[in-house]
N, C-alpha and C. Protein backbone atom coordinates (compact mmCIF):
# COMPACT_ATOMS: atom_id res chain seq x y z
N UNK A 1 20.86 -41.24 56.67
CA UNK A 1 19.51 -40.55 57.07
C UNK A 1 18.47 -41.70 56.23
N UNK A 2 17.34 -41.28 57.36
CA UNK A 2 16.24 -42.38 57.00
C UNK A 2 15.72 -41.89 55.69
N UNK A 3 15.39 -43.12 54.76
CA UNK A 3 14.76 -42.38 53.31
C UNK A 3 13.48 -42.61 53.48
N UNK A 4 12.62 -43.63 54.39
CA UNK A 4 11.12 -43.36 54.44
C UNK A 4 10.76 -43.18 55.58
N UNK A 5 9.54 -41.82 55.53
CA UNK A 5 9.09 -41.68 57.15
C UNK A 5 7.47 -42.02 57.27
N UNK A 6 7.33 -42.61 58.66
CA UNK A 6 5.92 -43.04 58.64
C UNK A 6 5.15 -42.02 59.41
N UNK A 7 4.15 -41.46 58.56
CA UNK A 7 3.37 -40.70 59.50
C UNK A 7 2.10 -41.28 59.52
N UNK A 8 1.36 -40.17 60.37
CA UNK A 8 0.04 -40.96 61.15
C UNK A 8 -0.37 -40.72 62.45
N UNK A 9 -1.44 -41.40 62.78
CA UNK A 9 -1.59 -41.66 64.25
C UNK A 9 -1.20 -42.31 64.85
N UNK A 10 -0.42 -43.80 64.24
CA UNK A 10 0.51 -44.70 64.91
C UNK A 10 1.51 -44.37 65.09
N UNK A 11 2.15 -43.06 64.53
CA UNK A 11 4.00 -43.02 64.17
C UNK A 11 3.85 -41.66 65.42
N UNK A 12 5.24 -41.79 66.46
CA UNK A 12 5.34 -41.03 67.21
C UNK A 12 6.60 -40.09 66.53
N UNK A 13 6.72 -38.94 66.57
CA UNK A 13 7.32 -38.31 65.81
C UNK A 13 8.83 -37.69 67.02
N UNK A 14 9.75 -38.48 66.98
CA UNK A 14 10.60 -37.76 68.08
C UNK A 14 11.30 -36.81 67.57
N UNK A 15 12.20 -36.09 68.63
CA UNK A 15 13.11 -34.94 68.22
C UNK A 15 14.06 -35.29 66.88
N UNK A 16 14.82 -36.45 67.06
CA UNK A 16 15.88 -36.93 66.01
C UNK A 16 15.23 -37.38 64.81
N UNK A 17 13.89 -37.35 64.64
CA UNK A 17 13.13 -37.74 63.61
C UNK A 17 13.01 -36.20 62.91
N UNK A 18 12.33 -35.55 63.76
CA UNK A 18 12.08 -34.13 62.95
C UNK A 18 13.49 -33.44 62.59
N UNK A 19 14.62 -33.91 63.36
CA UNK A 19 15.57 -33.03 62.90
C UNK A 19 16.29 -33.60 61.71
N UNK A 20 16.23 -34.69 61.60
CA UNK A 20 16.56 -35.77 60.37
C UNK A 20 16.26 -34.81 59.60
N UNK A 21 14.96 -35.02 59.30
CA UNK A 21 14.03 -34.62 58.23
C UNK A 21 14.50 -33.34 57.69
N UNK A 22 14.43 -32.53 58.89
CA UNK A 22 14.89 -31.02 58.84
C UNK A 22 16.16 -30.80 58.12
N UNK A 23 17.58 -31.69 58.51
CA UNK A 23 18.32 -31.26 57.87
C UNK A 23 18.79 -32.02 56.67
N UNK A 24 17.94 -32.84 56.19
CA UNK A 24 17.75 -33.68 55.10
C UNK A 24 17.14 -32.99 54.08
N UNK A 25 15.99 -32.14 54.39
CA UNK A 25 15.26 -31.61 53.13
C UNK A 25 15.58 -30.06 53.21
N UNK A 26 16.02 -29.83 54.21
CA UNK A 26 16.27 -27.99 54.27
C UNK A 26 14.70 -27.40 54.91
N UNK A 27 15.12 -26.57 55.63
CA UNK A 27 13.84 -25.64 56.15
C UNK A 27 14.13 -23.96 55.61
N UNK A 28 12.97 -23.28 55.21
CA UNK A 28 13.60 -21.92 54.74
C UNK A 28 12.38 -21.33 55.55
N UNK A 29 12.62 -20.16 56.25
CA UNK A 29 11.86 -19.22 56.54
C UNK A 29 12.12 -17.82 56.33
N UNK A 30 11.48 -16.84 55.78
CA UNK A 30 11.56 -15.78 55.44
C UNK A 30 10.68 -14.77 55.55
N UNK A 31 10.79 -13.55 55.91
CA UNK A 31 9.66 -12.56 56.31
C UNK A 31 10.38 -10.98 56.25
N UNK A 32 9.49 -10.25 56.14
CA UNK A 32 9.99 -8.83 55.82
C UNK A 32 9.11 -8.12 57.25
N UNK A 33 9.92 -7.41 57.55
CA UNK A 33 9.46 -6.15 58.56
C UNK A 33 9.65 -4.75 58.06
N UNK A 34 8.49 -4.10 58.01
CA UNK A 34 8.25 -2.62 57.41
C UNK A 34 7.89 -2.06 58.26
N UNK A 35 8.41 -0.92 59.14
CA UNK A 35 7.87 0.45 59.38
C UNK A 35 8.02 1.63 58.85
N UNK A 36 6.32 2.01 58.52
CA UNK A 36 6.37 3.39 57.89
C UNK A 36 5.43 4.61 58.58
N UNK A 37 5.86 5.52 58.48
CA UNK A 37 5.00 6.46 58.95
C UNK A 37 4.63 7.85 58.24
N UNK A 38 3.39 7.70 57.61
CA UNK A 38 2.90 8.90 56.57
C UNK A 38 3.74 8.70 55.39
N UNK A 39 3.60 7.13 55.07
CA UNK A 39 4.05 6.77 53.83
C UNK A 39 5.41 7.10 53.53
N UNK A 40 6.35 7.36 54.92
CA UNK A 40 8.01 6.87 54.62
C UNK A 40 8.07 5.92 55.59
N UNK A 41 8.82 5.22 54.57
CA UNK A 41 9.45 4.11 55.24
C UNK A 41 10.48 4.03 55.97
N UNK A 42 10.37 3.94 57.33
CA UNK A 42 11.64 4.43 58.58
C UNK A 42 12.65 3.50 58.55
N UNK A 43 12.16 1.87 58.26
CA UNK A 43 13.05 0.72 58.90
C UNK A 43 12.56 -0.26 57.72
N UNK A 44 13.25 -1.15 57.69
CA UNK A 44 13.12 -2.63 56.98
C UNK A 44 13.93 -3.65 57.26
N UNK A 45 13.42 -4.83 57.48
CA UNK A 45 14.31 -5.45 58.02
C UNK A 45 13.88 -6.78 57.49
N UNK A 46 14.76 -7.53 56.75
CA UNK A 46 14.65 -8.72 56.03
C UNK A 46 15.13 -9.49 56.78
N UNK A 47 14.18 -10.46 56.84
CA UNK A 47 14.62 -11.84 57.61
C UNK A 47 14.83 -13.46 56.72
N UNK A 48 16.08 -13.93 56.60
CA UNK A 48 15.67 -15.09 55.59
C UNK A 48 16.87 -15.97 56.55
N UNK A 49 16.30 -17.57 56.62
CA UNK A 49 16.67 -18.35 57.87
C UNK A 49 16.90 -19.44 56.98
N UNK A 50 17.68 -20.05 56.79
CA UNK A 50 17.95 -21.28 56.34
C UNK A 50 18.47 -22.51 57.15
N UNK A 51 17.51 -23.24 57.24
CA UNK A 51 18.35 -24.59 58.30
C UNK A 51 18.21 -25.75 57.48
N UNK A 52 19.47 -26.57 57.28
CA UNK A 52 19.57 -27.38 56.70
C UNK A 52 21.25 -28.23 56.68
N UNK A 53 21.72 -29.40 56.36
CA UNK A 53 23.30 -29.71 56.61
C UNK A 53 23.59 -29.09 55.34
N UNK A 54 25.27 -28.91 56.19
CA UNK A 54 26.23 -28.51 54.92
C UNK A 54 26.29 -29.12 53.92
N UNK A 55 25.95 -30.29 53.56
CA UNK A 55 25.71 -31.00 51.89
C UNK A 55 24.64 -30.46 51.30
N UNK A 56 23.57 -30.22 51.94
CA UNK A 56 22.40 -29.70 51.53
C UNK A 56 22.68 -28.30 50.97
N UNK A 57 23.17 -27.37 51.74
CA UNK A 57 23.56 -26.47 51.57
C UNK A 57 24.33 -26.10 50.43
N UNK A 58 25.93 -26.94 49.74
CA UNK A 58 26.23 -27.04 48.90
C UNK A 58 25.25 -27.71 47.85
N UNK A 59 24.76 -28.62 47.82
CA UNK A 59 24.26 -28.86 46.67
C UNK A 59 23.19 -28.37 46.29
N UNK A 60 22.73 -27.08 46.79
CA UNK A 60 21.69 -25.71 46.26
C UNK A 60 22.53 -24.73 46.12
N UNK A 61 23.94 -24.57 46.34
CA UNK A 61 24.92 -23.35 45.99
C UNK A 61 25.15 -22.28 46.99
N UNK A 62 25.11 -22.98 48.49
CA UNK A 62 25.41 -21.99 49.48
C UNK A 62 26.53 -22.18 50.07
N UNK A 63 27.71 -21.71 49.76
CA UNK A 63 28.87 -22.05 50.49
C UNK A 63 29.43 -20.71 51.00
N UNK A 64 28.65 -19.94 51.14
CA UNK A 64 29.29 -18.40 51.36
C UNK A 64 30.16 -18.66 52.80
N UNK A 65 30.46 -19.71 53.67
CA UNK A 65 31.27 -19.86 54.69
C UNK A 65 32.10 -20.17 54.00
N UNK A 66 32.92 -20.37 53.42
CA UNK A 66 34.27 -20.85 52.60
C UNK A 66 34.53 -19.69 52.21
N UNK A 67 34.08 -18.33 52.07
CA UNK A 67 34.77 -16.98 51.94
C UNK A 67 34.40 -15.93 52.63
N UNK A 68 33.95 -16.48 53.81
CA UNK A 68 33.75 -15.25 54.73
C UNK A 68 35.23 -15.50 55.62
N UNK A 69 35.97 -14.37 55.48
CA UNK A 69 37.08 -14.54 56.49
C UNK A 69 36.86 -14.39 57.68
N UNK A 70 35.72 -14.41 58.41
CA UNK A 70 35.33 -14.42 60.05
C UNK A 70 34.99 -15.94 60.51
N UNK A 71 34.99 -16.70 59.30
CA UNK A 71 34.35 -18.36 59.70
C UNK A 71 35.34 -19.34 58.54
N UNK A 72 37.05 -18.73 57.89
CA UNK A 72 37.28 -19.71 57.36
C UNK A 72 38.87 -19.10 57.36
N UNK A 73 39.57 -19.70 57.83
CA UNK A 73 41.14 -19.47 58.43
C UNK A 73 41.46 -18.88 56.58
N UNK A 74 41.13 -20.14 55.52
CA UNK A 74 41.54 -20.08 54.02
C UNK A 74 41.63 -18.64 53.66
N UNK A 75 40.13 -18.49 53.71
CA UNK A 75 39.59 -17.09 53.39
C UNK A 75 40.57 -15.56 53.95
N UNK A 76 40.59 -15.91 55.31
CA UNK A 76 41.18 -14.95 56.15
C UNK A 76 42.79 -14.75 55.12
N UNK A 77 43.22 -15.79 55.18
CA UNK A 77 44.81 -15.64 54.61
C UNK A 77 44.57 -15.42 53.13
N UNK A 78 43.74 -15.50 52.41
CA UNK A 78 43.34 -15.15 51.21
C UNK A 78 43.06 -13.28 51.12
N UNK A 79 42.61 -13.08 51.71
CA UNK A 79 42.36 -11.59 52.09
C UNK A 79 43.66 -11.03 52.43
N UNK A 80 44.34 -11.54 52.90
CA UNK A 80 45.50 -10.84 53.55
C UNK A 80 46.36 -11.04 52.62
N UNK A 81 46.57 -11.84 51.78
CA UNK A 81 47.82 -12.12 50.91
C UNK A 81 47.68 -12.46 49.51
N UNK A 82 46.27 -12.51 49.09
CA UNK A 82 46.03 -13.20 47.97
C UNK A 82 45.59 -12.06 46.81
N UNK A 83 44.56 -12.57 45.91
CA UNK A 83 44.39 -11.34 45.07
C UNK A 83 43.17 -10.32 45.61
N UNK A 84 42.48 -10.60 46.66
CA UNK A 84 41.86 -9.88 47.08
C UNK A 84 42.30 -8.96 48.20
N UNK A 85 43.49 -9.07 48.57
CA UNK A 85 44.32 -8.28 49.50
C UNK A 85 45.11 -7.08 48.50
N UNK A 86 45.49 -7.58 47.29
CA UNK A 86 46.22 -6.60 46.21
C UNK A 86 45.01 -5.97 45.73
N UNK A 87 43.67 -5.93 45.80
CA UNK A 87 42.30 -5.47 45.32
C UNK A 87 42.45 -4.34 46.75
N UNK A 88 42.37 -4.70 47.87
CA UNK A 88 41.92 -3.82 48.98
C UNK A 88 43.24 -2.94 48.81
N UNK A 89 44.70 -3.34 49.08
CA UNK A 89 45.56 -2.14 48.66
C UNK A 89 45.34 -0.94 47.62
N UNK A 90 45.21 -1.83 46.35
CA UNK A 90 44.69 -0.67 45.11
C UNK A 90 43.66 0.24 45.85
N UNK A 91 42.26 -0.30 46.11
CA UNK A 91 41.48 0.70 46.52
C UNK A 91 41.83 1.69 47.52
N UNK A 92 42.68 1.56 48.61
CA UNK A 92 43.38 2.38 49.47
C UNK A 92 44.02 3.50 48.88
N UNK A 93 44.68 3.06 47.54
CA UNK A 93 45.69 4.09 46.80
C UNK A 93 44.93 4.96 46.56
N UNK A 94 43.66 4.11 45.68
CA UNK A 94 42.97 5.19 45.02
C UNK A 94 42.17 6.05 45.84
N UNK A 95 41.64 5.70 46.77
CA UNK A 95 40.65 6.55 47.46
C UNK A 95 42.14 7.78 48.27
N UNK A 96 43.10 7.31 48.53
CA UNK A 96 44.34 8.10 48.83
C UNK A 96 44.28 9.59 48.00
N UNK A 97 44.37 8.92 46.91
CA UNK A 97 44.64 9.98 45.53
C UNK A 97 43.54 10.38 45.81
N UNK A 98 42.20 10.37 45.68
CA UNK A 98 41.11 10.84 45.06
C UNK A 98 40.83 11.97 46.30
N UNK A 99 41.13 11.45 47.58
CA UNK A 99 41.18 12.54 48.55
C UNK A 99 42.05 13.66 48.45
N UNK A 100 43.28 13.78 47.52
CA UNK A 100 44.50 14.43 47.48
C UNK A 100 43.79 15.42 46.24
N UNK A 101 43.02 14.83 45.14
CA UNK A 101 42.13 15.67 44.55
C UNK A 101 41.28 16.64 44.82
N UNK A 102 40.55 16.06 45.54
CA UNK A 102 39.43 16.64 46.33
C UNK A 102 40.03 18.18 47.11
N UNK A 103 40.95 17.89 47.83
CA UNK A 103 41.60 19.06 48.65
C UNK A 103 42.04 19.75 47.72
N UNK A 104 42.98 19.59 46.47
CA UNK A 104 43.66 20.33 45.42
C UNK A 104 42.16 21.29 45.15
N UNK A 105 40.89 20.47 44.72
CA UNK A 105 39.94 21.12 44.12
C UNK A 105 39.57 22.23 44.90
N UNK A 106 39.48 22.03 46.35
CA UNK A 106 38.48 22.73 47.33
C UNK A 106 39.64 23.98 47.53
N UNK A 107 41.12 23.62 47.40
CA UNK A 107 42.17 24.94 47.60
C UNK A 107 41.81 25.93 46.78
N UNK A 108 41.50 25.42 45.02
CA UNK A 108 41.24 25.98 44.14
C UNK A 108 40.07 26.89 43.91
N UNK A 109 38.74 26.40 44.57
CA UNK A 109 37.76 26.76 44.56
C UNK A 109 37.54 28.20 45.68
């Protein structure tokens, strides 16, 4: 990637130069949209967009794609058979036990 950028009226910025700069340095866009009616918040949308290279993202500590099972086969395999899979099975078991206790409580009441 380019280390030095010439700016000014004599320098024409091409698309490649602009993309090179954005991917090297990163570009962050953040915004919030809130819809309220009579002081009651009906809808909140938070938009966060980060455009940068994978190297830059890892440098700033963003590597969520490695652990997202929709994007990573390693994460998918971990969810299915690793520690997270075991946690999911235990949560299902606890949920079933809770439902059984709730039904028993309703029958008593």
